[in-house]
Amino acid sequence: MITLTINGQKHELDVPDNMPLLWAIRDVVGMKGTKFGCGISECGACTVHLDGVATRSCITPVSAAKGEITTIEAMADDPVGRKVQQAWLDLGVAQCGYCQGGQIMNATALLKKNPEPDTREIVDAMAGNLCRCGTYNRILAAIERAADKETSS
């Protein structure tokens, strides 16, 4: 039995220690916002926060998830996450939307660590998150807006 704290709630799970956190979150706990993209930590669709750090849940075993896990479902309750989500909506960032949960999670972790990143810092921090629709310019603009560094549109 493993105890995970997800979005402030404790969950007792009867799962193998090596089960990827992604599957525990999605299939056992039932939170579907965190997506499977690649299974090898290359795309970022599965990004969650583990003690505030952007973490790829597809390669993180549940046995390593000892701290507070935050998923996209909790971002509306987080001041920085809410600001990022609002910027996403204001700028119409999402196209198909599949990667957006991971993008928002990574952007939120960045802004919590560095509330005023420059463009290079944003690009570098987001490099591990792929968007098959190519909305990278809108993602960058939304992060700049959330950081109150909006460029002229």
N, C-alpha and C. Protein backbone atom coordinates (compact mmCIF):
# COMPACT_ATOMS: atom_id res chain seq x y z
N MET A 1 0.85 -1.18 0.00
CA MET A 1 0.00 0.00 0.00
C MET A 1 0.89 1.24 0.00
N ILE A 2 0.55 2.19 -0.86
CA ILE A 2 1.29 3.45 -0.98
C ILE A 2 0.33 4.59 -0.72
N THR A 3 0.79 5.57 0.04
CA THR A 3 0.00 6.77 0.28
C THR A 3 0.56 7.91 -0.56
N LEU A 4 -0.30 8.48 -1.40
CA LEU A 4 0.08 9.64 -2.20
C LEU A 4 -0.78 10.82 -1.77
N THR A 5 -0.16 11.98 -1.68
CA THR A 5 -0.91 13.20 -1.41
C THR A 5 -1.03 13.95 -2.73
N ILE A 6 -2.25 13.98 -3.26
CA ILE A 6 -2.51 14.60 -4.55
C ILE A 6 -3.50 15.74 -4.36
N ASN A 7 -3.08 16.93 -4.73
CA ASN A 7 -3.93 18.12 -4.60
C ASN A 7 -4.48 18.27 -3.18
N GLY A 8 -3.62 17.97 -2.20
CA GLY A 8 -3.98 18.14 -0.81
C GLY A 8 -4.75 17.00 -0.18
N GLN A 9 -5.09 15.97 -0.94
CA GLN A 9 -5.85 14.84 -0.40
C GLN A 9 -4.99 13.59 -0.41
N LYS A 10 -5.06 12.84 0.69
CA LYS A 10 -4.31 11.59 0.78
C LYS A 10 -5.09 10.47 0.09
N HIS A 11 -4.35 9.66 -0.66
CA HIS A 11 -4.93 8.51 -1.36
C HIS A 11 -4.12 7.28 -1.01
N GLU A 12 -4.78 6.26 -0.47
CA GLU A 12 -4.14 4.97 -0.18
C GLU A 12 -4.33 4.10 -1.41
N LEU A 13 -3.22 3.73 -2.06
CA LEU A 13 -3.31 2.97 -3.30
C LEU A 13 -2.63 1.62 -3.15
N ASP A 14 -3.30 0.60 -3.61
CA ASP A 14 -2.73 -0.74 -3.64
C ASP A 14 -2.19 -0.97 -5.04
N VAL A 15 -0.98 -0.46 -5.27
CA VAL A 15 -0.35 -0.53 -6.59
C VAL A 15 1.11 -0.95 -6.41
N PRO A 16 1.73 -1.48 -7.45
CA PRO A 16 3.15 -1.82 -7.37
C PRO A 16 4.00 -0.56 -7.18
N ASP A 17 5.10 -0.68 -6.44
CA ASP A 17 6.00 0.46 -6.19
C ASP A 17 6.53 1.09 -7.46
N ASN A 18 6.68 0.29 -8.51
CA ASN A 18 7.26 0.80 -9.75
C ASN A 18 6.23 1.31 -10.75
N MET A 19 4.96 1.33 -10.36
CA MET A 19 3.94 1.88 -11.26
C MET A 19 4.23 3.35 -11.52
N PRO A 20 4.21 3.77 -12.79
CA PRO A 20 4.40 5.20 -13.06
C PRO A 20 3.30 6.03 -12.39
N LEU A 21 3.72 7.13 -11.81
CA LEU A 21 2.80 8.04 -11.14
C LEU A 21 1.65 8.44 -12.06
N LEU A 22 1.92 8.60 -13.34
CA LEU A 22 0.88 8.96 -14.32
C LEU A 22 -0.30 8.01 -14.24
N TRP A 23 -0.02 6.70 -14.24
CA TRP A 23 -1.11 5.71 -14.25
C TRP A 23 -1.83 5.66 -12.91
N ALA A 24 -1.10 5.90 -11.82
CA ALA A 24 -1.76 5.96 -10.52
C ALA A 24 -2.73 7.14 -10.49
N ILE A 25 -2.28 8.29 -10.99
CA ILE A 25 -3.14 9.49 -11.01
C ILE A 25 -4.36 9.27 -11.91
N ARG A 26 -4.13 8.80 -13.12
CA ARG A 26 -5.20 8.67 -14.11
C ARG A 26 -6.11 7.47 -13.84
N ASP A 27 -5.51 6.30 -13.73
CA ASP A 27 -6.30 5.06 -13.72
C ASP A 27 -6.77 4.62 -12.35
N VAL A 28 -6.00 4.94 -11.32
CA VAL A 28 -6.38 4.50 -9.98
C VAL A 28 -7.15 5.60 -9.25
N VAL A 29 -6.62 6.81 -9.24
CA VAL A 29 -7.29 7.93 -8.56
C VAL A 29 -8.41 8.51 -9.41
N GLY A 30 -8.27 8.45 -10.75
CA GLY A 30 -9.33 8.89 -11.64
C GLY A 30 -9.24 10.33 -12.10
N MET A 31 -8.09 10.96 -11.91
CA MET A 31 -7.90 12.33 -12.38
C MET A 31 -7.35 12.26 -13.80
N LYS A 32 -8.12 12.68 -14.76
CA LYS A 32 -7.76 12.48 -16.17
C LYS A 32 -7.07 13.67 -16.83
N GLY A 33 -6.83 14.76 -16.10
CA GLY A 33 -6.21 15.93 -16.70
C GLY A 33 -4.76 15.74 -17.10
N THR A 34 -4.04 14.91 -16.38
CA THR A 34 -2.64 14.63 -16.70
C THR A 34 -2.64 13.62 -17.83
N LYS A 35 -1.97 13.93 -18.93
CA LYS A 35 -2.05 13.12 -20.15
C LYS A 35 -0.82 12.24 -20.37
N PHE A 36 -1.04 11.12 -21.05
CA PHE A 36 0.05 10.29 -21.54
C PHE A 36 0.40 10.78 -22.93
N GLY A 37 1.67 11.06 -23.14
CA GLY A 37 2.10 11.50 -24.47
C GLY A 37 3.10 10.55 -25.08
N CYS A 38 4.18 10.27 -24.35
CA CYS A 38 5.26 9.48 -24.93
C CYS A 38 5.73 8.34 -24.05
N GLY A 39 5.63 8.47 -22.76
CA GLY A 39 6.08 7.44 -21.84
C GLY A 39 7.58 7.43 -21.59
N ILE A 40 8.32 8.40 -22.16
CA ILE A 40 9.77 8.43 -21.98
C ILE A 40 10.27 9.82 -21.57
N SER A 41 9.41 10.63 -21.06
CA SER A 41 9.77 11.96 -20.53
C SER A 41 10.28 12.93 -21.59
N GLU A 42 9.79 12.79 -22.80
CA GLU A 42 10.27 13.65 -23.89
C GLU A 42 9.28 14.74 -24.28
N CYS A 43 8.00 14.59 -23.95
CA CYS A 43 7.01 15.53 -24.49
C CYS A 43 6.41 16.48 -23.46
N GLY A 44 6.36 16.10 -22.19
CA GLY A 44 5.85 16.98 -21.15
C GLY A 44 4.35 16.95 -20.92
N ALA A 45 3.60 16.16 -21.69
CA ALA A 45 2.15 16.11 -21.50
C ALA A 45 1.76 15.61 -20.12
N CYS A 46 2.64 14.83 -19.50
CA CYS A 46 2.35 14.20 -18.20
C CYS A 46 2.85 15.02 -17.02
N THR A 47 3.23 16.27 -17.23
CA THR A 47 3.85 17.07 -16.18
C THR A 47 2.90 17.33 -15.02
N VAL A 48 3.41 17.06 -13.82
CA VAL A 48 2.75 17.40 -12.56
C VAL A 48 3.80 18.13 -11.72
N HIS A 49 3.40 18.64 -10.59
CA HIS A 49 4.36 19.22 -9.65
C HIS A 49 4.56 18.23 -8.52
N LEU A 50 5.79 17.97 -8.17
CA LEU A 50 6.13 17.17 -6.99
C LEU A 50 6.90 18.11 -6.08
N ASP A 51 6.26 18.49 -4.98
CA ASP A 51 6.82 19.51 -4.08
C ASP A 51 7.18 20.78 -4.84
N GLY A 52 6.32 21.16 -5.79
CA GLY A 52 6.49 22.41 -6.53
C GLY A 52 7.41 22.34 -7.73
N VAL A 53 8.03 21.20 -7.96
CA VAL A 53 8.95 21.04 -9.08
C VAL A 53 8.24 20.32 -10.22
N ALA A 54 8.32 20.87 -11.43
CA ALA A 54 7.72 20.22 -12.60
C ALA A 54 8.39 18.85 -12.77
N THR A 55 7.55 17.81 -12.81
CA THR A 55 8.03 16.43 -12.83
C THR A 55 7.26 15.65 -13.87
N ARG A 56 7.96 14.83 -14.63
CA ARG A 56 7.33 13.97 -15.64
C ARG A 56 6.79 12.73 -14.96
N SER A 57 5.48 12.65 -14.86
CA SER A 57 4.85 11.55 -14.13
C SER A 57 4.91 10.22 -14.87
N CYS A 58 5.20 10.24 -16.16
CA CYS A 58 5.26 8.98 -16.93
C CYS A 58 6.47 8.13 -16.57
N ILE A 59 7.52 8.75 -16.03
CA ILE A 59 8.71 7.99 -15.67
C ILE A 59 8.99 8.01 -14.17
N THR A 60 8.15 8.65 -13.40
CA THR A 60 8.33 8.73 -11.95
C THR A 60 7.55 7.60 -11.29
N PRO A 61 8.23 6.65 -10.66
CA PRO A 61 7.50 5.59 -9.98
C PRO A 61 6.77 6.14 -8.75
N VAL A 62 5.65 5.54 -8.41
CA VAL A 62 4.89 6.02 -7.26
C VAL A 62 5.74 5.98 -5.99
N SER A 63 6.67 5.05 -5.91
CA SER A 63 7.52 4.95 -4.72
C SER A 63 8.40 6.18 -4.55
N ALA A 64 8.64 6.94 -5.61
CA ALA A 64 9.47 8.16 -5.54
C ALA A 64 8.64 9.41 -5.28
N ALA A 65 7.34 9.29 -5.29
CA ALA A 65 6.44 10.45 -5.14
C ALA A 65 6.09 10.64 -3.67
N LYS A 66 7.08 11.00 -2.89
CA LYS A 66 6.91 11.10 -1.43
C LYS A 66 6.32 12.42 -0.97
N GLY A 67 6.37 13.43 -1.79
CA GLY A 67 5.90 14.75 -1.36
C GLY A 67 4.50 15.06 -1.84
N GLU A 68 4.21 16.34 -1.89
CA GLU A 68 2.91 16.84 -2.36
C GLU A 68 2.88 16.83 -3.88
N ILE A 69 1.92 16.12 -4.43
CA ILE A 69 1.72 16.05 -5.88
C ILE A 69 0.59 17.01 -6.24
N THR A 70 0.85 17.86 -7.22
CA THR A 70 -0.18 18.79 -7.68
C THR A 70 -0.41 18.52 -9.16
N THR A 71 -1.67 18.40 -9.54
CA THR A 71 -2.03 18.14 -10.93
C THR A 71 -2.73 19.36 -11.52
N ILE A 72 -2.98 19.30 -12.80
CA ILE A 72 -3.66 20.39 -13.50
C ILE A 72 -5.03 20.69 -12.87
N GLU A 73 -5.66 19.69 -12.29
CA GLU A 73 -6.97 19.91 -11.68
C GLU A 73 -6.93 20.93 -10.56
N ALA A 74 -5.77 21.11 -9.93
CA ALA A 74 -5.65 22.05 -8.79
C ALA A 74 -5.18 23.43 -9.20
N MET A 75 -4.87 23.66 -10.46
CA MET A 75 -4.32 24.95 -10.85
C MET A 75 -5.28 26.11 -10.66
N ALA A 76 -6.57 25.88 -10.75
CA ALA A 76 -7.54 26.97 -10.55
C ALA A 76 -7.53 27.46 -9.10
N ASP A 77 -7.01 26.64 -8.17
CA ASP A 77 -6.95 27.03 -6.76
C ASP A 77 -5.61 27.64 -6.38
N ASP A 78 -4.70 27.71 -7.33
CA ASP A 78 -3.35 28.24 -7.09
C ASP A 78 -3.26 29.62 -7.74
N PRO A 79 -2.84 30.64 -7.01
CA PRO A 79 -2.82 31.99 -7.59
C PRO A 79 -1.99 32.10 -8.87
N VAL A 80 -0.82 31.50 -8.90
CA VAL A 80 0.01 31.56 -10.10
C VAL A 80 -0.60 30.72 -11.20
N GLY A 81 -1.07 29.53 -10.85
CA GLY A 81 -1.71 28.66 -11.84
C GLY A 81 -2.93 29.30 -12.46
N ARG A 82 -3.71 29.98 -11.63
CA ARG A 82 -4.91 30.67 -12.13
C ARG A 82 -4.53 31.78 -13.10
N LYS A 83 -3.45 32.49 -12.78
CA LYS A 83 -2.98 33.57 -13.65
C LYS A 83 -2.52 33.01 -15.00
N VAL A 84 -1.81 31.87 -14.96
CA VAL A 84 -1.34 31.23 -16.18
C VAL A 84 -2.54 30.75 -17.00
N GLN A 85 -3.49 30.10 -16.36
CA GLN A 85 -4.68 29.62 -17.08
C GLN A 85 -5.45 30.77 -17.71
N GLN A 86 -5.57 31.88 -17.00
CA GLN A 86 -6.30 33.03 -17.55
C GLN A 86 -5.57 33.59 -18.77
N ALA A 87 -4.24 33.64 -18.70
CA ALA A 87 -3.47 34.11 -19.86
C ALA A 87 -3.68 33.17 -21.05
N TRP A 88 -3.73 31.86 -20.78
CA TRP A 88 -3.98 30.88 -21.85
C TRP A 88 -5.33 31.16 -22.51
N LEU A 89 -6.34 31.43 -21.69
CA LEU A 89 -7.68 31.70 -22.23
C LEU A 89 -7.71 33.03 -22.98
N ASP A 90 -7.12 34.06 -22.38
CA ASP A 90 -7.13 35.39 -22.99
C ASP A 90 -6.51 35.39 -24.38
N LEU A 91 -5.46 34.59 -24.56
CA LEU A 91 -4.72 34.58 -25.82
C LEU A 91 -5.10 33.41 -26.73
N GLY A 92 -6.07 32.61 -26.32
CA GLY A 92 -6.50 31.48 -27.15
C GLY A 92 -5.34 30.54 -27.49
N VAL A 93 -4.56 30.19 -26.49
CA VAL A 93 -3.35 29.39 -26.73
C VAL A 93 -3.68 28.01 -27.28
N ALA A 94 -4.63 27.34 -26.68
CA ALA A 94 -4.88 25.94 -27.04
C ALA A 94 -5.45 25.81 -28.45
N GLN A 95 -4.98 24.82 -29.14
CA GLN A 95 -5.56 24.45 -30.42
C GLN A 95 -6.25 23.11 -30.20
N CYS A 96 -5.54 22.00 -30.24
CA CYS A 96 -6.19 20.72 -29.94
C CYS A 96 -6.32 20.54 -28.43
N GLY A 97 -5.39 21.14 -27.67
CA GLY A 97 -5.47 21.13 -26.21
C GLY A 97 -4.79 19.98 -25.51
N TYR A 98 -4.36 18.96 -26.23
CA TYR A 98 -3.84 17.76 -25.58
C TYR A 98 -2.64 18.05 -24.68
N CYS A 99 -1.71 18.85 -25.13
CA CYS A 99 -0.48 19.12 -24.37
C CYS A 99 -0.65 20.22 -23.35
N GLN A 100 -1.76 20.92 -23.37
CA GLN A 100 -1.87 22.17 -22.62
C GLN A 100 -1.77 22.00 -21.11
N GLY A 101 -2.29 20.90 -20.56
CA GLY A 101 -2.16 20.68 -19.12
C GLY A 101 -0.69 20.66 -18.71
N GLY A 102 0.11 19.91 -19.45
CA GLY A 102 1.54 19.84 -19.16
C GLY A 102 2.24 21.17 -19.37
N GLN A 103 1.82 21.89 -20.41
CA GLN A 103 2.39 23.22 -20.67
C GLN A 103 2.09 24.16 -19.50
N ILE A 104 0.85 24.17 -19.06
CA ILE A 104 0.44 25.04 -17.95
C ILE A 104 1.17 24.66 -16.67
N MET A 105 1.31 23.36 -16.42
CA MET A 105 2.02 22.93 -15.21
C MET A 105 3.48 23.38 -15.24
N ASN A 106 4.12 23.23 -16.38
CA ASN A 106 5.53 23.63 -16.50
C ASN A 106 5.66 25.16 -16.39
N ALA A 107 4.77 25.89 -17.04
CA ALA A 107 4.81 27.36 -16.98
C ALA A 107 4.57 27.84 -15.55
N THR A 108 3.66 27.22 -14.85
CA THR A 108 3.38 27.61 -13.46
C THR A 108 4.59 27.37 -12.57
N ALA A 109 5.23 26.21 -12.73
CA ALA A 109 6.44 25.92 -11.94
C ALA A 109 7.52 26.96 -12.24
N LEU A 110 7.68 27.32 -13.51
CA LEU A 110 8.66 28.33 -13.88
C LEU A 110 8.38 29.65 -13.17
N LEU A 111 7.13 30.12 -13.24
CA LEU A 111 6.80 31.43 -12.67
C LEU A 111 6.85 31.43 -11.15
N LYS A 112 6.66 30.29 -10.53
CA LYS A 112 6.80 30.23 -9.08
C LYS A 112 8.28 30.33 -8.69
N LYS A 113 9.13 29.74 -9.50
CA LYS A 113 10.57 29.77 -9.24
C LYS A 113 11.17 31.11 -9.66
N ASN A 114 10.67 31.64 -10.76
CA ASN A 114 11.21 32.88 -11.34
C ASN A 114 10.03 33.72 -11.82
N PRO A 115 9.49 34.60 -10.97
CA PRO A 115 8.30 35.36 -11.33
C PRO A 115 8.47 36.34 -12.49
N GLU A 116 9.71 36.67 -12.84
CA GLU A 116 9.96 37.63 -13.91
C GLU A 116 10.99 37.09 -14.90
N PRO A 117 10.69 35.97 -15.55
CA PRO A 117 11.67 35.42 -16.49
C PRO A 117 11.76 36.26 -17.75
N ASP A 118 12.95 36.28 -18.35
CA ASP A 118 13.06 36.93 -19.66
C ASP A 118 12.68 35.90 -20.72
N THR A 119 12.62 36.33 -21.95
CA THR A 119 12.17 35.45 -23.03
C THR A 119 13.04 34.21 -23.14
N ARG A 120 14.35 34.35 -23.04
CA ARG A 120 15.26 33.20 -23.14
C ARG A 120 14.99 32.20 -22.02
N GLU A 121 14.76 32.69 -20.80
CA GLU A 121 14.48 31.80 -19.66
C GLU A 121 13.18 31.04 -19.88
N ILE A 122 12.19 31.70 -20.45
CA ILE A 122 10.92 31.02 -20.74
C ILE A 122 11.14 29.95 -21.79
N VAL A 123 11.79 30.30 -22.87
CA VAL A 123 12.04 29.34 -23.95
C VAL A 123 12.82 28.15 -23.43
N ASP A 124 13.86 28.40 -22.64
CA ASP A 124 14.66 27.31 -22.09
C ASP A 124 13.84 26.42 -21.16
N ALA A 125 13.05 27.04 -20.30
CA ALA A 125 12.26 26.27 -19.34
C ALA A 125 11.18 25.43 -20.02
N MET A 126 10.65 25.93 -21.13
CA MET A 126 9.55 25.23 -21.81
C MET A 126 10.03 24.27 -22.89
N ALA A 127 11.33 24.20 -23.12
CA ALA A 127 11.88 23.40 -24.22
C ALA A 127 11.49 21.93 -24.14
N GLY A 128 11.25 21.40 -22.97
CA GLY A 128 10.89 20.00 -22.83
C GLY A 128 9.43 19.69 -23.04
N ASN A 129 8.63 20.70 -23.33
CA ASN A 129 7.20 20.50 -23.56
C ASN A 129 6.92 20.68 -25.05
N LEU A 130 6.40 19.63 -25.66
CA LEU A 130 6.12 19.66 -27.09
C LEU A 130 4.65 19.98 -27.35
N CYS A 131 4.42 20.72 -28.42
CA CYS A 131 3.07 21.04 -28.88
C CYS A 131 2.98 20.63 -30.34
N ARG A 132 2.22 19.60 -30.62
CA ARG A 132 2.12 19.11 -31.99
C ARG A 132 1.42 20.10 -32.91
N CYS A 133 0.64 21.01 -32.34
CA CYS A 133 -0.05 22.02 -33.14
C CYS A 133 0.82 23.24 -33.39
N GLY A 134 1.93 23.35 -32.69
CA GLY A 134 2.86 24.44 -32.93
C GLY A 134 2.42 25.78 -32.37
N THR A 135 1.78 25.79 -31.22
CA THR A 135 1.31 27.06 -30.65
C THR A 135 2.37 27.74 -29.77
N TYR A 136 3.62 27.50 -30.07
CA TYR A 136 4.71 28.00 -29.23
C TYR A 136 4.71 29.51 -29.06
N ASN A 137 4.40 30.26 -30.10
CA ASN A 137 4.39 31.73 -29.96
C ASN A 137 3.29 32.18 -29.00
N ARG A 138 2.13 31.53 -29.05
CA ARG A 138 1.05 31.88 -28.13
C ARG A 138 1.38 31.43 -26.71
N ILE A 139 2.06 30.28 -26.57
CA ILE A 139 2.48 29.82 -25.24
C ILE A 139 3.44 30.84 -24.63
N LEU A 140 4.42 31.27 -25.40
CA LEU A 140 5.38 32.27 -24.92
C LEU A 140 4.67 33.56 -24.52
N ALA A 141 3.76 34.03 -25.36
CA ALA A 141 3.03 35.26 -25.06
C ALA A 141 2.19 35.12 -23.80
N ALA A 142 1.58 33.96 -23.60
CA ALA A 142 0.76 33.74 -22.41
C ALA A 142 1.61 33.73 -21.14
N ILE A 143 2.77 33.12 -21.21
CA ILE A 143 3.65 33.11 -20.04
C ILE A 143 4.14 34.53 -19.75
N GLU A 144 4.46 35.27 -20.79
CA GLU A 144 4.86 36.66 -20.58
C GLU A 144 3.71 37.46 -19.97
N ARG A 145 2.49 37.21 -20.43
CA ARG A 145 1.33 37.92 -19.86
C ARG A 145 1.16 37.55 -18.38
N ALA A 146 1.26 36.26 -18.09
CA ALA A 146 1.10 35.81 -16.70
C ALA A 146 2.19 36.39 -15.80
N ALA A 147 3.37 36.65 -16.39
CA ALA A 147 4.47 37.26 -15.63
C ALA A 147 4.40 38.78 -15.69
N ASP A 148 3.32 39.32 -16.21
CA ASP A 148 3.15 40.77 -16.36
C ASP A 148 4.25 41.38 -17.23
N LYS A 149 4.70 40.60 -18.22
CA LYS A 149 5.73 41.10 -19.14
C LYS A 149 5.19 41.03 -20.54
N GLU A 150 3.92 41.27 -20.69
CA GLU A 150 3.26 41.15 -21.98
C GLU A 150 3.93 42.05 -23.02
N THR A 151 4.21 41.44 -24.15
CA THR A 151 4.75 42.20 -25.27
C THR A 151 3.59 42.71 -26.11
N SER A 152 3.82 43.73 -26.90
CA SER A 152 2.76 44.26 -27.75
C SER A 152 2.31 43.21 -28.76
N SER A 153 1.02 43.06 -28.91
CA SER A 153 0.48 42.04 -29.81
C SER A 153 0.15 42.62 -31.15
